[in-house]
Amino acid sequence: MRLMFRLRTEGAENIPGNGPVILAGNHLTFIDSMILPLVCDRQVFFIGKDEYVTGTSLKGRLMAWFFTGVGMIPVDRDGANGGVAALMTGRRVLEDGNIFGIYPEGTRSPDGRLYRGRTGIARLTLMTGAPVVPFAMIGTDKLQPGGSGMPRPGRVTVRFGEPMEFSRYDGMGRDRYVLRAVTDSVMTEVMRLSGQEYVDMYATKAKAA
């Protein structure tokens, strides 16, 4: 995969060498979650659809082996308590001192632009005290347009920003204005790193329009 995607990494030294860390970035296509673990010296854990690891065919078993191997934790995100389950999974990973990767947009961008972030990222950092390292995937949508099918070989850049900490908001994790401010701060950094046009609406709403 490193040869296929000709990976270029910028700012990887911004990822702390130990302790809990949240990696928060844009989400352009399916292969983003395959590439992120390749450019980090520490293992990255992230949540994914449980359907990726429940297949019983040969293809299904290979997918389960691959995704669990790169750090995916299966969660039923479509259930009634999907959001809570995802949040608690992230909290557990961080409290164990590990890296948790998250896409604050909540889904892949439908058109290559950067959409409004969900406040789960803010809840996680305020709940655990873990710093947030913003990152940007650049070029993955060109290699796998639409997020499906086999990706083409090509150049991918992953750019990491400096760690962000929000201890000034300690004890304010239930304040929706604080949650929005923290989330928007992270998304502003992701926008700066990626160079994407920002759209102040949720990607899910854009997809449904």
N, C-alpha and C. Protein backbone atom coordinates (compact mmCIF):
# COMPACT_ATOMS: atom_id res chain seq x y z
N MET A 1 0.83 -1.20 0.00
CA MET A 1 0.00 0.00 0.00
C MET A 1 0.87 1.26 0.00
N ARG A 2 2.00 1.20 0.70
CA ARG A 2 2.89 2.37 0.69
C ARG A 2 3.40 2.66 -0.72
N LEU A 3 3.72 1.61 -1.44
CA LEU A 3 4.19 1.79 -2.82
C LEU A 3 3.07 2.26 -3.73
N MET A 4 1.89 1.70 -3.54
CA MET A 4 0.75 2.02 -4.39
C MET A 4 0.32 3.48 -4.25
N PHE A 5 0.34 3.99 -2.99
CA PHE A 5 -0.16 5.34 -2.75
C PHE A 5 0.94 6.38 -2.66
N ARG A 6 2.22 5.97 -2.76
CA ARG A 6 3.35 6.92 -2.76
C ARG A 6 3.13 7.98 -1.68
N LEU A 7 3.10 7.51 -0.46
CA LEU A 7 2.71 8.33 0.67
C LEU A 7 3.74 9.41 1.02
N ARG A 8 3.24 10.60 1.21
CA ARG A 8 4.05 11.70 1.72
C ARG A 8 3.42 12.16 3.03
N THR A 9 4.20 12.22 4.09
CA THR A 9 3.69 12.62 5.40
C THR A 9 4.35 13.92 5.84
N GLU A 10 3.53 14.85 6.32
CA GLU A 10 4.03 16.13 6.81
C GLU A 10 3.53 16.35 8.24
N GLY A 11 4.44 16.69 9.13
CA GLY A 11 4.06 17.03 10.49
C GLY A 11 3.81 15.85 11.41
N ALA A 12 4.27 14.66 11.05
CA ALA A 12 4.04 13.49 11.90
C ALA A 12 4.68 13.64 13.28
N GLU A 13 5.69 14.52 13.38
CA GLU A 13 6.33 14.75 14.67
C GLU A 13 5.39 15.44 15.67
N ASN A 14 4.26 15.94 15.17
CA ASN A 14 3.28 16.58 16.06
C ASN A 14 2.45 15.56 16.86
N ILE A 15 2.54 14.29 16.49
CA ILE A 15 1.80 13.26 17.23
C ILE A 15 2.61 12.86 18.45
N PRO A 16 2.10 13.07 19.68
CA PRO A 16 2.85 12.69 20.88
C PRO A 16 3.26 11.23 20.85
N GLY A 17 4.43 10.95 21.38
CA GLY A 17 4.96 9.59 21.35
C GLY A 17 4.30 8.64 22.34
N ASN A 18 3.56 9.18 23.29
CA ASN A 18 2.86 8.32 24.25
C ASN A 18 1.67 9.07 24.82
N GLY A 19 0.80 8.32 25.48
CA GLY A 19 -0.39 8.91 26.08
C GLY A 19 -1.55 9.01 25.10
N PRO A 20 -2.73 9.34 25.60
CA PRO A 20 -3.92 9.41 24.75
C PRO A 20 -3.85 10.58 23.76
N VAL A 21 -4.26 10.31 22.53
CA VAL A 21 -4.27 11.32 21.48
C VAL A 21 -5.49 11.09 20.59
N ILE A 22 -6.15 12.18 20.21
CA ILE A 22 -7.24 12.11 19.24
C ILE A 22 -6.72 12.65 17.91
N LEU A 23 -6.78 11.85 16.86
CA LEU A 23 -6.47 12.32 15.51
C LEU A 23 -7.79 12.65 14.83
N ALA A 24 -7.97 13.90 14.42
CA ALA A 24 -9.24 14.34 13.84
C ALA A 24 -8.98 14.96 12.47
N GLY A 25 -9.65 14.42 11.45
CA GLY A 25 -9.37 14.92 10.11
C GLY A 25 -10.55 14.83 9.16
N ASN A 26 -10.28 15.22 7.94
CA ASN A 26 -11.30 15.18 6.89
C ASN A 26 -11.47 13.74 6.38
N HIS A 27 -12.57 13.52 5.70
CA HIS A 27 -12.88 12.16 5.23
C HIS A 27 -13.37 12.26 3.79
N LEU A 28 -12.49 11.86 2.87
CA LEU A 28 -12.80 12.00 1.45
C LEU A 28 -13.28 10.71 0.80
N THR A 29 -12.72 9.58 1.24
CA THR A 29 -13.07 8.33 0.58
C THR A 29 -12.76 7.14 1.49
N PHE A 30 -13.15 5.96 1.07
CA PHE A 30 -13.07 4.76 1.89
C PHE A 30 -11.65 4.46 2.35
N ILE A 31 -10.66 4.69 1.48
CA ILE A 31 -9.29 4.28 1.79
C ILE A 31 -8.61 5.17 2.84
N ASP A 32 -9.25 6.26 3.27
CA ASP A 32 -8.64 7.12 4.29
C ASP A 32 -8.27 6.31 5.54
N SER A 33 -9.18 5.42 5.95
CA SER A 33 -8.95 4.65 7.17
C SER A 33 -7.90 3.57 6.98
N MET A 34 -7.55 3.24 5.75
CA MET A 34 -6.46 2.31 5.50
C MET A 34 -5.12 3.03 5.52
N ILE A 35 -5.14 4.28 5.08
CA ILE A 35 -3.90 5.04 4.95
C ILE A 35 -3.44 5.62 6.28
N LEU A 36 -4.37 6.10 7.10
CA LEU A 36 -3.98 6.75 8.35
C LEU A 36 -3.06 5.87 9.21
N PRO A 37 -3.37 4.57 9.41
CA PRO A 37 -2.46 3.75 10.23
C PRO A 37 -1.07 3.58 9.61
N LEU A 38 -0.95 3.73 8.29
CA LEU A 38 0.33 3.54 7.62
C LEU A 38 1.32 4.66 7.92
N VAL A 39 0.81 5.85 8.27
CA VAL A 39 1.69 7.01 8.43
C VAL A 39 1.94 7.35 9.91
N CYS A 40 1.47 6.49 10.81
CA CYS A 40 1.66 6.72 12.25
C CYS A 40 2.54 5.63 12.82
N ASP A 41 3.51 6.01 13.64
CA ASP A 41 4.38 5.03 14.29
C ASP A 41 3.62 4.24 15.35
N ARG A 42 2.62 4.88 15.99
CA ARG A 42 1.79 4.21 16.99
C ARG A 42 0.53 3.66 16.32
N GLN A 43 -0.04 2.63 16.93
CA GLN A 43 -1.27 2.08 16.37
C GLN A 43 -2.42 3.07 16.56
N VAL A 44 -3.22 3.19 15.52
CA VAL A 44 -4.39 4.05 15.56
C VAL A 44 -5.64 3.18 15.62
N PHE A 45 -6.51 3.44 16.58
CA PHE A 45 -7.79 2.75 16.67
C PHE A 45 -8.89 3.68 16.18
N PHE A 46 -9.86 3.12 15.51
CA PHE A 46 -10.99 3.91 15.02
C PHE A 46 -12.20 3.01 14.93
N ILE A 47 -13.37 3.61 14.88
CA ILE A 47 -14.58 2.80 14.78
C ILE A 47 -14.96 2.63 13.31
N GLY A 48 -15.65 1.54 13.03
CA GLY A 48 -16.14 1.28 11.69
C GLY A 48 -17.43 0.49 11.77
N LYS A 49 -18.12 0.39 10.66
CA LYS A 49 -19.37 -0.35 10.63
C LYS A 49 -19.14 -1.82 10.97
N ASP A 50 -20.01 -2.36 11.81
CA ASP A 50 -19.83 -3.76 12.20
C ASP A 50 -19.98 -4.71 11.02
N GLU A 51 -20.63 -4.25 9.96
CA GLU A 51 -20.81 -5.12 8.79
C GLU A 51 -19.49 -5.45 8.11
N TYR A 52 -18.44 -4.66 8.38
CA TYR A 52 -17.13 -4.92 7.79
C TYR A 52 -16.48 -6.19 8.36
N VAL A 53 -16.95 -6.65 9.52
CA VAL A 53 -16.29 -7.79 10.16
C VAL A 53 -17.24 -8.95 10.43
N THR A 54 -18.44 -8.89 9.89
CA THR A 54 -19.42 -9.94 10.17
C THR A 54 -19.66 -10.88 9.00
N GLY A 55 -19.00 -10.64 7.88
CA GLY A 55 -19.20 -11.50 6.71
C GLY A 55 -18.64 -12.90 6.94
N THR A 56 -19.32 -13.89 6.41
CA THR A 56 -18.89 -15.28 6.61
C THR A 56 -18.25 -15.88 5.37
N SER A 57 -18.33 -15.20 4.24
CA SER A 57 -17.68 -15.69 3.03
C SER A 57 -16.18 -15.49 3.13
N LEU A 58 -15.44 -16.00 2.16
CA LEU A 58 -13.98 -15.82 2.16
C LEU A 58 -13.65 -14.33 2.12
N LYS A 59 -14.36 -13.58 1.27
CA LYS A 59 -14.13 -12.14 1.18
C LYS A 59 -14.44 -11.48 2.52
N GLY A 60 -15.54 -11.90 3.16
CA GLY A 60 -15.93 -11.34 4.44
C GLY A 60 -14.89 -11.60 5.52
N ARG A 61 -14.35 -12.81 5.53
CA ARG A 61 -13.34 -13.16 6.54
C ARG A 61 -12.05 -12.39 6.31
N LEU A 62 -11.69 -12.20 5.04
CA LEU A 62 -10.48 -11.42 4.72
C LEU A 62 -10.66 -9.97 5.14
N MET A 63 -11.85 -9.42 4.90
CA MET A 63 -12.12 -8.04 5.31
C MET A 63 -12.04 -7.90 6.83
N ALA A 64 -12.61 -8.88 7.54
CA ALA A 64 -12.57 -8.84 9.01
C ALA A 64 -11.14 -8.89 9.51
N TRP A 65 -10.32 -9.76 8.92
CA TRP A 65 -8.92 -9.88 9.30
C TRP A 65 -8.18 -8.57 9.06
N PHE A 66 -8.43 -7.96 7.91
CA PHE A 66 -7.72 -6.73 7.57
C PHE A 66 -8.11 -5.59 8.49
N PHE A 67 -9.41 -5.35 8.63
CA PHE A 67 -9.86 -4.18 9.38
C PHE A 67 -9.54 -4.28 10.87
N THR A 68 -9.69 -5.45 11.45
CA THR A 68 -9.32 -5.57 12.86
C THR A 68 -7.81 -5.45 13.02
N GLY A 69 -7.06 -5.90 12.02
CA GLY A 69 -5.61 -5.80 12.06
C GLY A 69 -5.10 -4.37 12.03
N VAL A 70 -5.80 -3.48 11.32
CA VAL A 70 -5.36 -2.08 11.26
C VAL A 70 -5.97 -1.22 12.36
N GLY A 71 -6.71 -1.84 13.28
CA GLY A 71 -7.16 -1.10 14.44
C GLY A 71 -8.62 -0.69 14.44
N MET A 72 -9.43 -1.23 13.52
CA MET A 72 -10.84 -0.87 13.51
C MET A 72 -11.60 -1.60 14.61
N ILE A 73 -12.44 -0.86 15.32
CA ILE A 73 -13.30 -1.44 16.34
C ILE A 73 -14.73 -1.40 15.81
N PRO A 74 -15.35 -2.55 15.58
CA PRO A 74 -16.71 -2.55 15.00
C PRO A 74 -17.76 -2.03 15.96
N VAL A 75 -18.62 -1.14 15.47
CA VAL A 75 -19.71 -0.57 16.27
C VAL A 75 -20.94 -0.48 15.38
N ASP A 76 -22.10 -0.81 15.93
CA ASP A 76 -23.35 -0.66 15.21
C ASP A 76 -23.76 0.81 15.27
N ARG A 77 -23.28 1.59 14.32
CA ARG A 77 -23.52 3.04 14.34
C ARG A 77 -24.91 3.41 13.86
N ASP A 78 -25.61 2.46 13.26
CA ASP A 78 -26.94 2.76 12.74
C ASP A 78 -28.04 2.47 13.74
N GLY A 79 -27.70 1.86 14.87
CA GLY A 79 -28.70 1.55 15.88
C GLY A 79 -29.13 2.79 16.65
N ALA A 80 -30.11 2.59 17.52
CA ALA A 80 -30.67 3.72 18.27
C ALA A 80 -29.62 4.37 19.16
N ASN A 81 -28.68 3.58 19.66
CA ASN A 81 -27.65 4.11 20.54
C ASN A 81 -26.27 4.14 19.88
N GLY A 82 -26.27 4.24 18.54
CA GLY A 82 -25.01 4.19 17.80
C GLY A 82 -24.05 5.29 18.18
N GLY A 83 -24.55 6.52 18.34
CA GLY A 83 -23.69 7.64 18.69
C GLY A 83 -23.07 7.49 20.05
N VAL A 84 -23.85 7.02 21.01
CA VAL A 84 -23.34 6.81 22.37
C VAL A 84 -22.30 5.69 22.38
N ALA A 85 -22.56 4.62 21.64
CA ALA A 85 -21.62 3.50 21.58
C ALA A 85 -20.29 3.95 20.99
N ALA A 86 -20.36 4.77 19.95
CA ALA A 86 -19.13 5.27 19.33
C ALA A 86 -18.35 6.14 20.30
N LEU A 87 -19.06 7.01 21.02
CA LEU A 87 -18.41 7.90 21.98
C LEU A 87 -17.75 7.12 23.11
N MET A 88 -18.45 6.13 23.63
CA MET A 88 -17.90 5.34 24.72
C MET A 88 -16.72 4.48 24.26
N THR A 89 -16.77 4.04 23.01
CA THR A 89 -15.64 3.28 22.47
C THR A 89 -14.41 4.16 22.40
N GLY A 90 -14.58 5.38 21.89
CA GLY A 90 -13.47 6.32 21.83
C GLY A 90 -12.92 6.64 23.20
N ARG A 91 -13.81 6.82 24.15
CA ARG A 91 -13.37 7.12 25.52
C ARG A 91 -12.53 5.99 26.09
N ARG A 92 -12.96 4.75 25.87
CA ARG A 92 -12.23 3.60 26.38
C ARG A 92 -10.83 3.52 25.76
N VAL A 93 -10.73 3.75 24.46
CA VAL A 93 -9.43 3.72 23.78
C VAL A 93 -8.50 4.77 24.37
N LEU A 94 -9.01 5.97 24.59
CA LEU A 94 -8.19 7.07 25.10
C LEU A 94 -7.80 6.85 26.56
N GLU A 95 -8.71 6.33 27.35
CA GLU A 95 -8.39 6.08 28.77
C GLU A 95 -7.35 4.98 28.92
N ASP A 96 -7.20 4.16 27.88
CA ASP A 96 -6.15 3.14 27.89
C ASP A 96 -4.82 3.70 27.39
N GLY A 97 -4.80 5.02 27.08
CA GLY A 97 -3.56 5.67 26.67
C GLY A 97 -3.21 5.51 25.21
N ASN A 98 -4.21 5.24 24.37
CA ASN A 98 -3.97 4.97 22.95
C ASN A 98 -4.40 6.14 22.05
N ILE A 99 -4.20 5.95 20.75
CA ILE A 99 -4.60 6.93 19.76
C ILE A 99 -5.96 6.54 19.19
N PHE A 100 -6.87 7.50 19.13
CA PHE A 100 -8.18 7.28 18.54
C PHE A 100 -8.35 8.21 17.35
N GLY A 101 -8.63 7.63 16.18
CA GLY A 101 -8.85 8.41 14.97
C GLY A 101 -10.33 8.66 14.74
N ILE A 102 -10.67 9.88 14.35
CA ILE A 102 -12.07 10.23 14.17
C ILE A 102 -12.22 11.22 13.01
N TYR A 103 -13.33 11.09 12.31
CA TYR A 103 -13.69 12.04 11.25
C TYR A 103 -14.87 12.86 11.76
N PRO A 104 -14.62 14.08 12.22
CA PRO A 104 -15.71 14.88 12.81
C PRO A 104 -16.90 15.13 11.90
N GLU A 105 -16.70 15.07 10.57
CA GLU A 105 -17.84 15.26 9.66
C GLU A 105 -18.87 14.15 9.81
N GLY A 106 -18.45 12.99 10.31
CA GLY A 106 -19.37 11.89 10.56
C GLY A 106 -19.61 10.99 9.37
N THR A 107 -19.19 11.40 8.19
CA THR A 107 -19.37 10.61 6.98
C THR A 107 -18.43 11.17 5.91
N ARG A 108 -18.29 10.47 4.81
CA ARG A 108 -17.43 10.96 3.74
C ARG A 108 -18.04 12.19 3.07
N SER A 109 -17.17 13.10 2.67
CA SER A 109 -17.64 14.29 1.96
C SER A 109 -18.27 13.87 0.63
N PRO A 110 -19.44 14.41 0.28
CA PRO A 110 -20.07 14.03 -0.97
C PRO A 110 -19.47 14.70 -2.20
N ASP A 111 -18.68 15.75 -1.99
CA ASP A 111 -18.19 16.51 -3.16
C ASP A 111 -16.78 17.06 -2.99
N GLY A 112 -16.04 16.58 -2.02
CA GLY A 112 -14.67 17.03 -1.84
C GLY A 112 -14.52 18.26 -0.96
N ARG A 113 -15.61 18.87 -0.56
CA ARG A 113 -15.55 20.02 0.33
C ARG A 113 -15.57 19.55 1.79
N LEU A 114 -15.22 20.45 2.70
CA LEU A 114 -15.18 20.12 4.12
C LEU A 114 -16.47 20.61 4.78
N TYR A 115 -17.14 19.70 5.49
CA TYR A 115 -18.44 20.02 6.07
C TYR A 115 -18.36 20.21 7.59
N ARG A 116 -19.42 20.73 8.15
CA ARG A 116 -19.51 21.04 9.57
C ARG A 116 -19.22 19.80 10.42
N GLY A 117 -18.48 19.98 11.50
CA GLY A 117 -18.13 18.88 12.36
C GLY A 117 -19.19 18.57 13.40
N ARG A 118 -19.33 17.30 13.71
CA ARG A 118 -20.20 16.87 14.80
C ARG A 118 -19.47 17.07 16.13
N THR A 119 -20.21 17.33 17.19
CA THR A 119 -19.57 17.69 18.46
C THR A 119 -19.03 16.51 19.25
N GLY A 120 -19.11 15.31 18.71
CA GLY A 120 -18.52 14.16 19.41
C GLY A 120 -17.03 14.35 19.67
N ILE A 121 -16.33 15.01 18.75
CA ILE A 121 -14.90 15.26 18.94
C ILE A 121 -14.67 16.13 20.17
N ALA A 122 -15.54 17.14 20.38
CA ALA A 122 -15.42 18.01 21.54
C ALA A 122 -15.73 17.25 22.83
N ARG A 123 -16.75 16.42 22.79
CA ARG A 123 -17.11 15.64 23.98
C ARG A 123 -15.95 14.73 24.39
N LEU A 124 -15.28 14.13 23.41
CA LEU A 124 -14.19 13.22 23.71
C LEU A 124 -13.01 13.93 24.35
N THR A 125 -12.59 15.06 23.78
CA THR A 125 -11.42 15.74 24.32
C THR A 125 -11.70 16.34 25.69
N LEU A 126 -12.92 16.83 25.91
CA LEU A 126 -13.26 17.40 27.22
C LEU A 126 -13.48 16.31 28.26
N MET A 127 -13.94 15.15 27.82
CA MET A 127 -14.20 14.03 28.72
C MET A 127 -12.91 13.37 29.20
N THR A 128 -11.91 13.32 28.32
CA THR A 128 -10.69 12.57 28.62
C THR A 128 -9.46 13.45 28.85
N GLY A 129 -9.51 14.69 28.39
CA GLY A 129 -8.33 15.55 28.48
C GLY A 129 -7.30 15.27 27.41
N ALA A 130 -7.60 14.37 26.46
CA ALA A 130 -6.65 14.03 25.41
C ALA A 130 -6.49 15.18 24.43
N PRO A 131 -5.26 15.48 24.00
CA PRO A 131 -5.07 16.52 22.99
C PRO A 131 -5.60 16.06 21.63
N VAL A 132 -5.95 17.02 20.81
CA VAL A 132 -6.43 16.74 19.46
C VAL A 132 -5.35 17.14 18.46
N VAL A 133 -4.94 16.21 17.63
CA VAL A 133 -4.01 16.51 16.54
C VAL A 133 -4.81 16.50 15.25
N PRO A 134 -5.01 17.67 14.62
CA PRO A 134 -5.78 17.70 13.37
C PRO A 134 -4.94 17.16 12.22
N PHE A 135 -5.61 16.56 11.25
CA PHE A 135 -4.88 16.07 10.07
C PHE A 135 -5.72 16.26 8.82
N ALA A 136 -5.05 16.20 7.68
CA ALA A 136 -5.74 16.35 6.40
C ALA A 136 -5.27 15.27 5.44
N MET A 137 -6.23 14.59 4.85
CA MET A 137 -5.96 13.66 3.75
C MET A 137 -6.04 14.46 2.45
N ILE A 138 -5.02 14.36 1.64
CA ILE A 138 -4.98 15.12 0.40
C ILE A 138 -4.71 14.17 -0.76
N GLY A 139 -5.66 14.05 -1.66
CA GLY A 139 -5.48 13.25 -2.86
C GLY A 139 -6.17 11.90 -2.86
N THR A 140 -6.71 11.45 -1.74
CA THR A 140 -7.33 10.13 -1.72
C THR A 140 -8.59 10.08 -2.58
N ASP A 141 -9.31 11.20 -2.68
CA ASP A 141 -10.53 11.20 -3.50
C ASP A 141 -10.23 11.09 -4.98
N LYS A 142 -9.02 11.45 -5.37
CA LYS A 142 -8.64 11.32 -6.79
C LYS A 142 -8.32 9.87 -7.13
N LEU A 143 -7.90 9.11 -6.13
CA LEU A 143 -7.52 7.71 -6.37
C LEU A 143 -8.70 6.76 -6.23
N GLN A 144 -9.72 7.19 -5.51
CA GLN A 144 -10.91 6.36 -5.33
C GLN A 144 -12.16 7.26 -5.38
N PRO A 145 -12.48 7.77 -6.55
CA PRO A 145 -13.64 8.66 -6.67
C PRO A 145 -14.93 7.96 -6.25
N GLY A 146 -15.75 8.68 -5.51
CA GLY A 146 -17.01 8.10 -5.08
C GLY A 146 -16.90 7.17 -3.89
N GLY A 147 -15.67 6.84 -3.47
CA GLY A 147 -15.48 6.02 -2.29
C GLY A 147 -15.68 4.54 -2.49
N SER A 148 -15.80 4.07 -3.73
CA SER A 148 -16.00 2.65 -3.96
C SER A 148 -15.13 2.18 -5.12
N GLY A 149 -15.02 0.86 -5.28
CA GLY A 149 -14.19 0.30 -6.33
C GLY A 149 -12.74 0.27 -5.93
N MET A 150 -11.91 -0.36 -6.73
CA MET A 150 -10.49 -0.46 -6.44
C MET A 150 -9.82 0.90 -6.64
N PRO A 151 -9.01 1.34 -5.68
CA PRO A 151 -8.32 2.62 -5.85
C PRO A 151 -7.21 2.52 -6.89
N ARG A 152 -6.94 3.65 -7.53
CA ARG A 152 -5.85 3.73 -8.49
C ARG A 152 -4.56 4.08 -7.78
N PRO A 153 -3.41 3.67 -8.31
CA PRO A 153 -2.13 4.11 -7.74
C PRO A 153 -1.99 5.63 -7.91
N GLY A 154 -1.28 6.26 -7.00
CA GLY A 154 -1.06 7.70 -7.11
C GLY A 154 -0.50 8.27 -5.83
N ARG A 155 -0.33 9.57 -5.82
CA ARG A 155 0.27 10.27 -4.68
C ARG A 155 -0.78 10.67 -3.65
N VAL A 156 -0.49 10.37 -2.38
CA VAL A 156 -1.34 10.79 -1.27
C VAL A 156 -0.47 11.52 -0.25
N THR A 157 -0.96 12.65 0.23
CA THR A 157 -0.28 13.39 1.28
C THR A 157 -1.15 13.39 2.53
N VAL A 158 -0.54 13.10 3.67
CA VAL A 158 -1.23 13.21 4.96
C VAL A 158 -0.49 14.28 5.76
N ARG A 159 -1.20 15.34 6.11
CA ARG A 159 -0.59 16.49 6.79
C ARG A 159 -1.16 16.63 8.19
N PHE A 160 -0.28 16.65 9.20
CA PHE A 160 -0.69 16.78 10.59
C PHE A 160 -0.38 18.17 11.11
N GLY A 161 -1.31 18.72 11.90
CA GLY A 161 -1.08 20.01 12.53
C GLY A 161 -0.59 19.84 13.95
N GLU A 162 -0.38 20.95 14.63
CA GLU A 162 0.10 20.92 16.00
C GLU A 162 -1.02 20.50 16.96
N PRO A 163 -0.66 19.85 18.07
CA PRO A 163 -1.68 19.40 19.03
C PRO A 163 -2.49 20.58 19.57
N MET A 164 -3.77 20.33 19.77
CA MET A 164 -4.69 21.32 20.32
C MET A 164 -5.20 20.79 21.66
N GLU A 165 -5.17 21.62 22.70
CA GLU A 165 -5.70 21.19 23.98
C GLU A 165 -6.72 22.22 24.46
N PHE A 166 -7.70 21.72 25.19
CA PHE A 166 -8.85 22.55 25.55
C PHE A 166 -9.12 22.52 27.06
N SER A 167 -8.04 22.50 27.85
CA SER A 167 -8.20 22.44 29.30
C SER A 167 -8.91 23.67 29.86
N ARG A 168 -8.90 24.76 29.12
CA ARG A 168 -9.60 25.97 29.59
C ARG A 168 -11.11 25.76 29.70
N TYR A 169 -11.59 24.68 29.10
CA TYR A 169 -13.02 24.38 29.16
C TYR A 169 -13.34 23.24 30.13
N ASP A 170 -12.41 22.94 31.01
CA ASP A 170 -12.66 21.86 31.99
C ASP A 170 -13.96 22.10 32.75
N GLY A 171 -14.75 21.04 32.88
CA GLY A 171 -16.01 21.13 33.60
C GLY A 171 -17.16 21.72 32.81
N MET A 172 -16.92 22.01 31.52
CA MET A 172 -17.95 22.65 30.69
C MET A 172 -18.40 21.75 29.55
N GLY A 173 -18.19 20.44 29.73
CA GLY A 173 -18.49 19.49 28.66
C GLY A 173 -19.95 19.33 28.31
N ARG A 174 -20.85 19.92 29.12
CA ARG A 174 -22.28 19.84 28.81
C ARG A 174 -22.82 21.13 28.18
N ASP A 175 -21.96 22.10 28.05
CA ASP A 175 -22.36 23.39 27.47
C ASP A 175 -22.32 23.29 25.95
N ARG A 176 -23.47 23.39 25.31
CA ARG A 176 -23.51 23.17 23.85
C ARG A 176 -22.74 24.24 23.09
N TYR A 177 -22.64 25.43 23.67
CA TYR A 177 -21.87 26.49 23.00
C TYR A 177 -20.38 26.19 23.06
N VAL A 178 -19.93 25.64 24.19
CA VAL A 178 -18.54 25.23 24.32
C VAL A 178 -18.23 24.08 23.37
N LEU A 179 -19.13 23.10 23.31
CA LEU A 179 -18.93 21.96 22.42
C LEU A 179 -18.82 22.42 20.96
N ARG A 180 -19.65 23.35 20.58
CA ARG A 180 -19.60 23.87 19.21
C ARG A 180 -18.32 24.65 18.97
N ALA A 181 -17.89 25.45 19.94
CA ALA A 181 -16.67 26.24 19.79
C ALA A 181 -15.44 25.34 19.63
N VAL A 182 -15.37 24.30 20.45
CA VAL A 182 -14.24 23.36 20.36
C VAL A 182 -14.24 22.66 19.01
N THR A 183 -15.40 22.18 18.60
CA THR A 183 -15.51 21.47 17.32
C THR A 183 -15.13 22.38 16.16
N ASP A 184 -15.62 23.61 16.17
CA ASP A 184 -15.31 24.54 15.08
C ASP A 184 -13.83 24.89 15.05
N SER A 185 -13.19 24.95 16.23
CA SER A 185 -11.75 25.22 16.27
C SER A 185 -10.97 24.11 15.58
N VAL A 186 -11.38 22.87 15.85
CA VAL A 186 -10.72 21.73 15.22
C VAL A 186 -10.94 21.75 13.71
N MET A 187 -12.17 22.01 13.29
CA MET A 187 -12.48 22.01 11.85
C MET A 187 -11.76 23.14 11.12
N THR A 188 -11.55 24.26 11.79
CA THR A 188 -10.80 25.36 11.18
C THR A 188 -9.37 24.93 10.88
N GLU A 189 -8.78 24.18 11.80
CA GLU A 189 -7.42 23.68 11.58
C GLU A 189 -7.38 22.65 10.46
N VAL A 190 -8.38 21.77 10.42
CA VAL A 190 -8.44 20.78 9.34
C VAL A 190 -8.57 21.49 8.00
N MET A 191 -9.39 22.53 7.95
CA MET A 191 -9.55 23.30 6.71
C MET A 191 -8.24 23.95 6.29
N ARG A 192 -7.52 24.50 7.26
CA ARG A 192 -6.24 25.14 6.95
C ARG A 192 -5.24 24.12 6.39
N LEU A 193 -5.22 22.93 6.97
CA LEU A 193 -4.28 21.90 6.54
C LEU A 193 -4.65 21.32 5.18
N SER A 194 -5.94 21.17 4.92
CA SER A 194 -6.39 20.51 3.69
C SER A 194 -6.55 21.46 2.51
N GLY A 195 -6.83 22.75 2.81
CA GLY A 195 -7.10 23.70 1.74
C GLY A 195 -8.48 23.54 1.13
N GLN A 196 -9.36 22.76 1.78
CA GLN A 196 -10.70 22.54 1.24
C GLN A 196 -11.60 23.75 1.46
N GLU A 197 -12.58 23.87 0.61
CA GLU A 197 -13.64 24.86 0.81
C GLU A 197 -14.53 24.35 1.95
N TYR A 198 -14.92 25.25 2.86
CA TYR A 198 -15.73 24.85 4.00
C TYR A 198 -17.21 25.14 3.74
N VAL A 199 -18.06 24.19 4.14
CA VAL A 199 -19.50 24.34 4.01
C VAL A 199 -20.12 24.23 5.40
N ASP A 200 -20.84 25.26 5.85
CA ASP A 200 -21.38 25.27 7.20
C ASP A 200 -22.72 24.55 7.27
N MET A 201 -22.68 23.27 6.93
CA MET A 201 -23.83 22.38 7.08
C MET A 201 -23.29 20.96 7.22
N TYR A 202 -24.12 20.06 7.75
CA TYR A 202 -23.67 18.70 7.93
C TYR A 202 -23.65 17.95 6.60
N ALA A 203 -22.64 17.10 6.43
CA ALA A 203 -22.50 16.34 5.18
C ALA A 203 -23.69 15.43 4.95
N THR A 204 -24.25 14.89 6.02
CA THR A 204 -25.41 14.00 5.87
C THR A 204 -26.59 14.75 5.25
N LYS A 205 -26.75 16.02 5.64
CA LYS A 205 -27.82 16.83 5.07
C LYS A 205 -27.58 17.12 3.61
N ALA A 206 -26.32 17.37 3.26
CA ALA A 206 -25.97 17.61 1.86
C ALA A 206 -26.23 16.38 1.00
N LYS A 207 -25.94 15.21 1.55
CA LYS A 207 -26.17 13.97 0.80
C LYS A 207 -27.65 13.71 0.59
N ALA A 208 -28.48 14.11 1.57
CA ALA A 208 -29.90 13.87 1.49
C ALA A 208 -30.63 14.87 0.58
N ALA A 209 -29.97 15.98 0.29
CA ALA A 209 -30.62 17.04 -0.51
C ALA A 209 -30.81 16.60 -1.96
